[in-house]
Amino acid sequence: MKAKVDEQLKNLSKTLCELRENTLKEDGKSFTQRDVADMLGITYQSYQAYERGVSCPSLQNFLKLAEIYDVSLDYLVGKKDY
């Protein structure tokens, strides 16, 4: 069971990193981890832990992340392509 959870966190962290790097701000630059943390209302270190696969976002932050990146919750957790 722990191995499955670890694999899911690894996949989530990869997805979050890819989405952040591929989402452009108005100035044409990718979002930084600090940008996303600010939008979520959390510390930079907390968001960084999501991308490192050390912690998992709360349901509220999952919803905000889906909105920020314009993807479904299923996509964030690796259930669907979009």
PDB file of N, CA and C in Angstrom:
ATOM      1  N   MET A   1       0.826  -1.203   0.000  1.00  0.00           N
ATOM      2  CA  MET A   1       0.000   0.000   0.000  1.00  0.00           C
ATOM      3  C   MET A   1       0.867   1.261   0.000  1.00  0.00           C
ATOM      4  N   LYS A   2       1.901   1.276   0.857  1.00  0.00           N
ATOM      5  CA  LYS A   2       2.781   2.441   0.922  1.00  0.00           C
ATOM      6  C   LYS A   2       3.471   2.681  -0.415  1.00  0.00           C
ATOM      7  N   ALA A   3       3.859   1.616  -1.100  1.00  0.00           N
ATOM      8  CA  ALA A   3       4.521   1.761  -2.397  1.00  0.00           C
ATOM      9  C   ALA A   3       3.592   2.425  -3.410  1.00  0.00           C
ATOM     10  N   LYS A   4       2.307   2.070  -3.350  1.00  0.00           N
ATOM     11  CA  LYS A   4       1.344   2.669  -4.279  1.00  0.00           C
ATOM     12  C   LYS A   4       1.172   4.152  -3.984  1.00  0.00           C
ATOM     13  N   VAL A   5       1.088   4.511  -2.720  1.00  0.00           N
ATOM     14  CA  VAL A   5       0.960   5.920  -2.330  1.00  0.00           C
ATOM     15  C   VAL A   5       2.204   6.688  -2.754  1.00  0.00           C
ATOM     16  N   ASP A   6       3.373   6.116  -2.541  1.00  0.00           N
ATOM     17  CA  ASP A   6       4.622   6.765  -2.952  1.00  0.00           C
ATOM     18  C   ASP A   6       4.652   6.996  -4.458  1.00  0.00           C
ATOM     19  N   GLU A   7       4.180   6.011  -5.216  1.00  0.00           N
ATOM     20  CA  GLU A   7       4.144   6.141  -6.677  1.00  0.00           C
ATOM     21  C   GLU A   7       3.162   7.226  -7.103  1.00  0.00           C
ATOM     22  N   GLN A   8       2.012   7.304  -6.430  1.00  0.00           N
ATOM     23  CA  GLN A   8       1.029   8.334  -6.749  1.00  0.00           C
ATOM     24  C   GLN A   8       1.567   9.731  -6.446  1.00  0.00           C
ATOM     25  N   LEU A   9       2.280   9.882  -5.318  1.00  0.00           N
ATOM     26  CA  LEU A   9       2.886  11.181  -4.991  1.00  0.00           C
ATOM     27  C   LEU A   9       3.948  11.550  -6.013  1.00  0.00           C
ATOM     28  N   LYS A  10       4.712  10.567  -6.461  1.00  0.00           N
ATOM     29  CA  LYS A  10       5.746  10.819  -7.474  1.00  0.00           C
ATOM     30  C   LYS A  10       5.097  11.293  -8.773  1.00  0.00           C
ATOM     31  N   ASN A  11       4.005  10.637  -9.168  1.00  0.00           N
ATOM     32  CA  ASN A  11       3.306  11.038 -10.393  1.00  0.00           C
ATOM     33  C   ASN A  11       2.696  12.425 -10.250  1.00  0.00           C
ATOM     34  N   LEU A  12       2.108  12.705  -9.087  1.00  0.00           N
ATOM     35  CA  LEU A  12       1.539  14.029  -8.847  1.00  0.00           C
ATOM     36  C   LEU A  12       2.619  15.091  -8.914  1.00  0.00           C
ATOM     37  N   SER A  13       3.752  14.833  -8.299  1.00  0.00           N
ATOM     38  CA  SER A  13       4.821  15.835  -8.292  1.00  0.00           C
ATOM     39  C   SER A  13       5.310  16.118  -9.712  1.00  0.00           C
ATOM     40  N   LYS A  14       5.427  15.080 -10.513  1.00  0.00           N
ATOM     41  CA  LYS A  14       5.857  15.249 -11.908  1.00  0.00           C
ATOM     42  C   LYS A  14       4.823  16.065 -12.684  1.00  0.00           C
ATOM     43  N   THR A  15       3.548  15.736 -12.487  1.00  0.00           N
ATOM     44  CA  THR A  15       2.468  16.454 -13.177  1.00  0.00           C
ATOM     45  C   THR A  15       2.451  17.927 -12.797  1.00  0.00           C
ATOM     46  N   LEU A  16       2.565  18.219 -11.493  1.00  0.00           N
ATOM     47  CA  LEU A  16       2.558  19.615 -11.046  1.00  0.00           C
ATOM     48  C   LEU A  16       3.730  20.393 -11.626  1.00  0.00           C
ATOM     49  N   CYS A  17       4.883  19.784 -11.640  1.00  0.00           N
ATOM     50  CA  CYS A  17       6.070  20.455 -12.180  1.00  0.00           C
ATOM     51  C   CYS A  17       5.886  20.741 -13.675  1.00  0.00           C
ATOM     52  N   GLU A  18       5.412  19.746 -14.420  1.00  0.00           N
ATOM     53  CA  GLU A  18       5.208  19.934 -15.859  1.00  0.00           C
ATOM     54  C   GLU A  18       4.159  21.007 -16.142  1.00  0.00           C
ATOM     55  N   LEU A  19       3.066  20.973 -15.393  1.00  0.00           N
ATOM     56  CA  LEU A  19       2.027  21.983 -15.600  1.00  0.00           C
ATOM     57  C   LEU A  19       2.556  23.381 -15.315  1.00  0.00           C
ATOM     58  N   ARG A  20       3.278  23.521 -14.210  1.00  0.00           N
ATOM     59  CA  ARG A  20       3.813  24.842 -13.841  1.00  0.00           C
ATOM     60  C   ARG A  20       4.772  25.349 -14.913  1.00  0.00           C
ATOM     61  N   GLU A  21       5.658  24.492 -15.374  1.00  0.00           N
ATOM     62  CA  GLU A  21       6.657  24.910 -16.355  1.00  0.00           C
ATOM     63  C   GLU A  21       6.043  25.208 -17.724  1.00  0.00           C
ATOM     64  N   ASN A  22       4.886  24.613 -18.004  1.00  0.00           N
ATOM     65  CA  ASN A  22       4.244  24.799 -19.309  1.00  0.00           C
ATOM     66  C   ASN A  22       3.107  25.811 -19.294  1.00  0.00           C
ATOM     67  N   THR A  23       2.833  26.403 -18.151  1.00  0.00           N
ATOM     68  CA  THR A  23       1.799  27.426 -18.055  1.00  0.00           C
ATOM     69  C   THR A  23       2.477  28.790 -18.042  1.00  0.00           C
ATOM     70  N   LEU A  24       2.067  29.626 -18.959  1.00  0.00           N
ATOM     71  CA  LEU A  24       2.731  30.917 -19.104  1.00  0.00           C
ATOM     72  C   LEU A  24       1.941  32.039 -18.438  1.00  0.00           C
ATOM     73  N   LYS A  25       2.695  32.949 -17.837  1.00  0.00           N
ATOM     74  CA  LYS A  25       2.104  34.155 -17.274  1.00  0.00           C
ATOM     75  C   LYS A  25       1.888  35.158 -18.407  1.00  0.00           C
ATOM     76  N   GLU A  26       1.310  36.275 -18.073  1.00  0.00           N
ATOM     77  CA  GLU A  26       1.051  37.309 -19.081  1.00  0.00           C
ATOM     78  C   GLU A  26       2.324  37.793 -19.763  1.00  0.00           C
ATOM     79  N   ASP A  27       3.453  37.752 -19.044  1.00  0.00           N
ATOM     80  CA  ASP A  27       4.712  38.209 -19.631  1.00  0.00           C
ATOM     81  C   ASP A  27       5.394  37.146 -20.487  1.00  0.00           C
ATOM     82  N   GLY A  28       4.741  35.978 -20.646  1.00  0.00           N
ATOM     83  CA  GLY A  28       5.292  34.919 -21.478  1.00  0.00           C
ATOM     84  C   GLY A  28       6.248  33.988 -20.761  1.00  0.00           C
ATOM     85  N   LYS A  29       6.499  34.231 -19.498  1.00  0.00           N
ATOM     86  CA  LYS A  29       7.380  33.365 -18.712  1.00  0.00           C
ATOM     87  C   LYS A  29       6.559  32.339 -17.955  1.00  0.00           C
ATOM     88  N   SER A  30       7.178  31.205 -17.661  1.00  0.00           N
ATOM     89  CA  SER A  30       6.509  30.157 -16.888  1.00  0.00           C
ATOM     90  C   SER A  30       6.309  30.608 -15.454  1.00  0.00           C
ATOM     91  N   PHE A  31       5.300  30.031 -14.815  1.00  0.00           N
ATOM     92  CA  PHE A  31       5.102  30.271 -13.398  1.00  0.00           C
ATOM     93  C   PHE A  31       6.290  29.730 -12.604  1.00  0.00           C
ATOM     94  N   THR A  32       6.624  30.407 -11.543  1.00  0.00           N
ATOM     95  CA  THR A  32       7.613  29.891 -10.603  1.00  0.00           C
ATOM     96  C   THR A  32       6.865  29.165  -9.487  1.00  0.00           C
ATOM     97  N   GLN A  33       7.593  28.411  -8.693  1.00  0.00           N
ATOM     98  CA  GLN A  33       6.972  27.756  -7.542  1.00  0.00           C
ATOM     99  C   GLN A  33       6.401  28.805  -6.591  1.00  0.00           C
ATOM    100  N   ARG A  34       7.084  29.907  -6.449  1.00  0.00           N
ATOM    101  CA  ARG A  34       6.604  30.983  -5.577  1.00  0.00           C
ATOM    102  C   ARG A  34       5.301  31.576  -6.113  1.00  0.00           C
ATOM    103  N   ASP A  35       5.195  31.743  -7.435  1.00  0.00           N
ATOM    104  CA  ASP A  35       3.954  32.257  -8.031  1.00  0.00           C
ATOM    105  C   ASP A  35       2.771  31.365  -7.658  1.00  0.00           C
ATOM    106  N   VAL A  36       2.948  30.065  -7.823  1.00  0.00           N
ATOM    107  CA  VAL A  36       1.857  29.133  -7.546  1.00  0.00           C
ATOM    108  C   VAL A  36       1.547  29.113  -6.052  1.00  0.00           C
ATOM    109  N   ALA A  37       2.584  29.122  -5.222  1.00  0.00           N
ATOM    110  CA  ALA A  37       2.372  29.151  -3.771  1.00  0.00           C
ATOM    111  C   ALA A  37       1.554  30.380  -3.379  1.00  0.00           C
ATOM    112  N   ASP A  38       1.877  31.521  -3.956  1.00  0.00           N
ATOM    113  CA  ASP A  38       1.139  32.752  -3.659  1.00  0.00           C
ATOM    114  C   ASP A  38      -0.326  32.625  -4.075  1.00  0.00           C
ATOM    115  N   MET A  39      -0.590  32.024  -5.232  1.00  0.00           N
ATOM    116  CA  MET A  39      -1.965  31.845  -5.690  1.00  0.00           C
ATOM    117  C   MET A  39      -2.744  30.896  -4.777  1.00  0.00           C
ATOM    118  N   LEU A  40      -2.042  29.935  -4.191  1.00  0.00           N
ATOM    119  CA  LEU A  40      -2.677  28.987  -3.280  1.00  0.00           C
ATOM    120  C   LEU A  40      -2.795  29.533  -1.859  1.00  0.00           C
ATOM    121  N   GLY A  41      -2.038  30.590  -1.577  1.00  0.00           N
ATOM    122  CA  GLY A  41      -2.039  31.143  -0.229  1.00  0.00           C
ATOM    123  C   GLY A  41      -1.254  30.296   0.758  1.00  0.00           C
ATOM    124  N   ILE A  42      -0.203  29.647   0.249  1.00  0.00           N
ATOM    125  CA  ILE A  42       0.661  28.824   1.095  1.00  0.00           C
ATOM    126  C   ILE A  42       2.099  29.292   0.940  1.00  0.00           C
ATOM    127  N   THR A  43       2.973  28.759   1.757  1.00  0.00           N
ATOM    128  CA  THR A  43       4.382  29.137   1.654  1.00  0.00           C
ATOM    129  C   THR A  43       5.019  28.484   0.434  1.00  0.00           C
ATOM    130  N   TYR A  44       6.082  29.094  -0.005  1.00  0.00           N
ATOM    131  CA  TYR A  44       6.869  28.547  -1.110  1.00  0.00           C
ATOM    132  C   TYR A  44       7.337  27.132  -0.769  1.00  0.00           C
ATOM    133  N   GLN A  45       7.769  26.929   0.468  1.00  0.00           N
ATOM    134  CA  GLN A  45       8.275  25.620   0.894  1.00  0.00           C
ATOM    135  C   GLN A  45       7.186  24.553   0.852  1.00  0.00           C
ATOM    136  N   SER A  46       5.961  24.945   1.189  1.00  0.00           N
ATOM    137  CA  SER A  46       4.849  23.984   1.136  1.00  0.00           C
ATOM    138  C   SER A  46       4.577  23.553  -0.299  1.00  0.00           C
ATOM    139  N   TYR A  47       4.574  24.512  -1.218  1.00  0.00           N
ATOM    140  CA  TYR A  47       4.349  24.142  -2.615  1.00  0.00           C
ATOM    141  C   TYR A  47       5.524  23.323  -3.142  1.00  0.00           C
ATOM    142  N   GLN A  48       6.716  23.705  -2.776  1.00  0.00           N
ATOM    143  CA  GLN A  48       7.897  22.969  -3.211  1.00  0.00           C
ATOM    144  C   GLN A  48       7.803  21.502  -2.760  1.00  0.00           C
ATOM    145  N   ALA A  49       7.263  21.268  -1.575  1.00  0.00           N
ATOM    146  CA  ALA A  49       7.096  19.898  -1.074  1.00  0.00           C
ATOM    147  C   ALA A  49       6.121  19.107  -1.947  1.00  0.00           C
ATOM    148  N   TYR A  50       5.110  19.769  -2.520  1.00  0.00           N
ATOM    149  CA  TYR A  50       4.212  19.092  -3.454  1.00  0.00           C
ATOM    150  C   TYR A  50       4.994  18.604  -4.665  1.00  0.00           C
ATOM    151  N   GLU A  51       5.817  19.489  -5.228  1.00  0.00           N
ATOM    152  CA  GLU A  51       6.562  19.129  -6.439  1.00  0.00           C
ATOM    153  C   GLU A  51       7.682  18.132  -6.162  1.00  0.00           C
ATOM    154  N   ARG A  52       8.131  18.060  -4.941  1.00  0.00           N
ATOM    155  CA  ARG A  52       9.162  17.073  -4.577  1.00  0.00           C
ATOM    156  C   ARG A  52       8.540  15.736  -4.191  1.00  0.00           C
ATOM    157  N   GLY A  53       7.222  15.690  -4.069  1.00  0.00           N
ATOM    158  CA  GLY A  53       6.548  14.451  -3.703  1.00  0.00           C
ATOM    159  C   GLY A  53       6.651  14.126  -2.232  1.00  0.00           C
ATOM    160  N   VAL A  54       6.918  15.146  -1.409  1.00  0.00           N
ATOM    161  CA  VAL A  54       7.071  14.960   0.023  1.00  0.00           C
ATOM    162  C   VAL A  54       5.731  15.099   0.739  1.00  0.00           C
ATOM    163  N   SER A  55       4.842  15.935   0.205  1.00  0.00           N
ATOM    164  CA  SER A  55       3.521  16.104   0.802  1.00  0.00           C
ATOM    165  C   SER A  55       2.485  16.231  -0.300  1.00  0.00           C
ATOM    166  N   CYS A  56       1.248  16.097   0.112  1.00  0.00           N
ATOM    167  CA  CYS A  56       0.126  16.098  -0.815  1.00  0.00           C
ATOM    168  C   CYS A  56      -0.754  17.318  -0.529  1.00  0.00           C
ATOM    169  N   PRO A  57      -1.248  17.985  -1.565  1.00  0.00           N
ATOM    170  CA  PRO A  57      -2.118  19.137  -1.342  1.00  0.00           C
ATOM    171  C   PRO A  57      -3.418  18.739  -0.632  1.00  0.00           C
ATOM    172  N   SER A  58      -3.978  19.680   0.089  1.00  0.00           N
ATOM    173  CA  SER A  58      -5.309  19.495   0.672  1.00  0.00           C
ATOM    174  C   SER A  58      -6.316  19.464  -0.468  1.00  0.00           C
ATOM    175  N   LEU A  59      -7.520  19.021  -0.172  1.00  0.00           N
ATOM    176  CA  LEU A  59      -8.563  19.006  -1.198  1.00  0.00           C
ATOM    177  C   LEU A  59      -8.795  20.415  -1.734  1.00  0.00           C
ATOM    178  N   GLN A  60      -8.807  21.397  -0.850  1.00  0.00           N
ATOM    179  CA  GLN A  60      -8.996  22.786  -1.270  1.00  0.00           C
ATOM    180  C   GLN A  60      -7.903  23.203  -2.248  1.00  0.00           C
ATOM    181  N   ASN A  61      -6.657  22.827  -1.963  1.00  0.00           N
ATOM    182  CA  ASN A  61      -5.563  23.202  -2.860  1.00  0.00           C
ATOM    183  C   ASN A  61      -5.574  22.387  -4.147  1.00  0.00           C
ATOM    184  N   PHE A  62      -6.044  21.135  -4.096  1.00  0.00           N
ATOM    185  CA  PHE A  62      -6.229  20.375  -5.330  1.00  0.00           C
ATOM    186  C   PHE A  62      -7.201  21.113  -6.249  1.00  0.00           C
ATOM    187  N   LEU A  63      -8.301  21.582  -5.667  1.00  0.00           N
ATOM    188  CA  LEU A  63      -9.297  22.312  -6.461  1.00  0.00           C
ATOM    189  C   LEU A  63      -8.708  23.589  -7.057  1.00  0.00           C
ATOM    190  N   LYS A  64      -7.933  24.314  -6.262  1.00  0.00           N
ATOM    191  CA  LYS A  64      -7.301  25.547  -6.752  1.00  0.00           C
ATOM    192  C   LYS A  64      -6.287  25.236  -7.850  1.00  0.00           C
ATOM    193  N   LEU A  65      -5.508  24.166  -7.676  1.00  0.00           N
ATOM    194  CA  LEU A  65      -4.518  23.796  -8.690  1.00  0.00           C
ATOM    195  C   LEU A  65      -5.202  23.441 -10.011  1.00  0.00           C
ATOM    196  N   ALA A  66      -6.297  22.702  -9.939  1.00  0.00           N
ATOM    197  CA  ALA A  66      -7.037  22.362 -11.157  1.00  0.00           C
ATOM    198  C   ALA A  66      -7.527  23.620 -11.859  1.00  0.00           C
ATOM    199  N   GLU A  67      -7.946  24.593 -11.072  1.00  0.00           N
ATOM    200  CA  GLU A  67      -8.407  25.863 -11.647  1.00  0.00           C
ATOM    201  C   GLU A  67      -7.244  26.654 -12.239  1.00  0.00           C
ATOM    202  N   ILE A  68      -6.157  26.751 -11.517  1.00  0.00           N
ATOM    203  CA  ILE A  68      -4.984  27.491 -11.999  1.00  0.00           C
ATOM    204  C   ILE A  68      -4.502  26.938 -13.336  1.00  0.00           C
ATOM    205  N   TYR A  69      -4.423  25.607 -13.428  1.00  0.00           N
ATOM    206  CA  TYR A  69      -3.870  24.974 -14.626  1.00  0.00           C
ATOM    207  C   TYR A  69      -4.938  24.579 -15.647  1.00  0.00           C
ATOM    208  N   ASP A  70      -6.207  24.846 -15.322  1.00  0.00           N
ATOM    209  CA  ASP A  70      -7.324  24.533 -16.215  1.00  0.00           C
ATOM    210  C   ASP A  70      -7.326  23.069 -16.636  1.00  0.00           C
ATOM    211  N   VAL A  71      -7.221  22.197 -15.630  1.00  0.00           N
ATOM    212  CA  VAL A  71      -7.281  20.749 -15.840  1.00  0.00           C
ATOM    213  C   VAL A  71      -8.273  20.162 -14.838  1.00  0.00           C
ATOM    214  N   SER A  72      -8.644  18.919 -15.056  1.00  0.00           N
ATOM    215  CA  SER A  72      -9.558  18.251 -14.132  1.00  0.00           C
ATOM    216  C   SER A  72      -8.788  17.682 -12.942  1.00  0.00           C
ATOM    217  N   LEU A  73      -9.513  17.389 -11.891  1.00  0.00           N
ATOM    218  CA  LEU A  73      -8.896  16.705 -10.748  1.00  0.00           C
ATOM    219  C   LEU A  73      -8.401  15.335 -11.164  1.00  0.00           C
ATOM    220  N   ASP A  74      -9.136  14.666 -12.037  1.00  0.00           N
ATOM    221  CA  ASP A  74      -8.697  13.364 -12.535  1.00  0.00           C
ATOM    222  C   ASP A  74      -7.332  13.468 -13.210  1.00  0.00           C
ATOM    223  N   TYR A  75      -7.138  14.529 -13.967  1.00  0.00           N
ATOM    224  CA  TYR A  75      -5.841  14.722 -14.624  1.00  0.00           C
ATOM    225  C   TYR A  75      -4.732  14.898 -13.587  1.00  0.00           C
ATOM    226  N   LEU A  76      -4.995  15.706 -12.564  1.00  0.00           N
ATOM    227  CA  LEU A  76      -3.972  15.941 -11.542  1.00  0.00           C
ATOM    228  C   LEU A  76      -3.540  14.654 -10.862  1.00  0.00           C
ATOM    229  N   VAL A  77      -4.473  13.748 -10.665  1.00  0.00           N
ATOM    230  CA  VAL A  77      -4.133  12.511  -9.960  1.00  0.00           C
ATOM    231  C   VAL A  77      -3.816  11.360 -10.907  1.00  0.00           C
ATOM    232  N   GLY A  78      -3.720  11.668 -12.197  1.00  0.00           N
ATOM    233  CA  GLY A  78      -3.270  10.668 -13.164  1.00  0.00           C
ATOM    234  C   GLY A  78      -4.329   9.712 -13.659  1.00  0.00           C
ATOM    235  N   LYS A  79      -5.599  10.067 -13.518  1.00  0.00           N
ATOM    236  CA  LYS A  79      -6.683   9.175 -13.948  1.00  0.00           C
ATOM    237  C   LYS A  79      -7.075   9.386 -15.409  1.00  0.00           C
ATOM    238  N   LYS A  80      -6.870  10.593 -15.942  1.00  0.00           N
ATOM    239  CA  LYS A  80      -7.248  10.906 -17.314  1.00  0.00           C
ATOM    240  C   LYS A  80      -6.204  11.810 -17.941  1.00  0.00           C
ATOM    241  N   ASP A  81      -6.284  11.929 -19.278  1.00  0.00           N
ATOM    242  CA  ASP A  81      -5.343  12.769 -20.001  1.00  0.00           C
ATOM    243  C   ASP A  81      -5.646  14.251 -19.867  1.00  0.00           C
ATOM    244  N   TYR A  82      -6.888  14.638 -19.557  1.00  0.00           N
ATOM    245  CA  TYR A  82      -7.240  16.048 -19.450  1.00  0.00           C
ATOM    246  C   TYR A  82      -8.112  16.300 -18.260  1.00  0.00           C
TER     247      TYR A  82
END
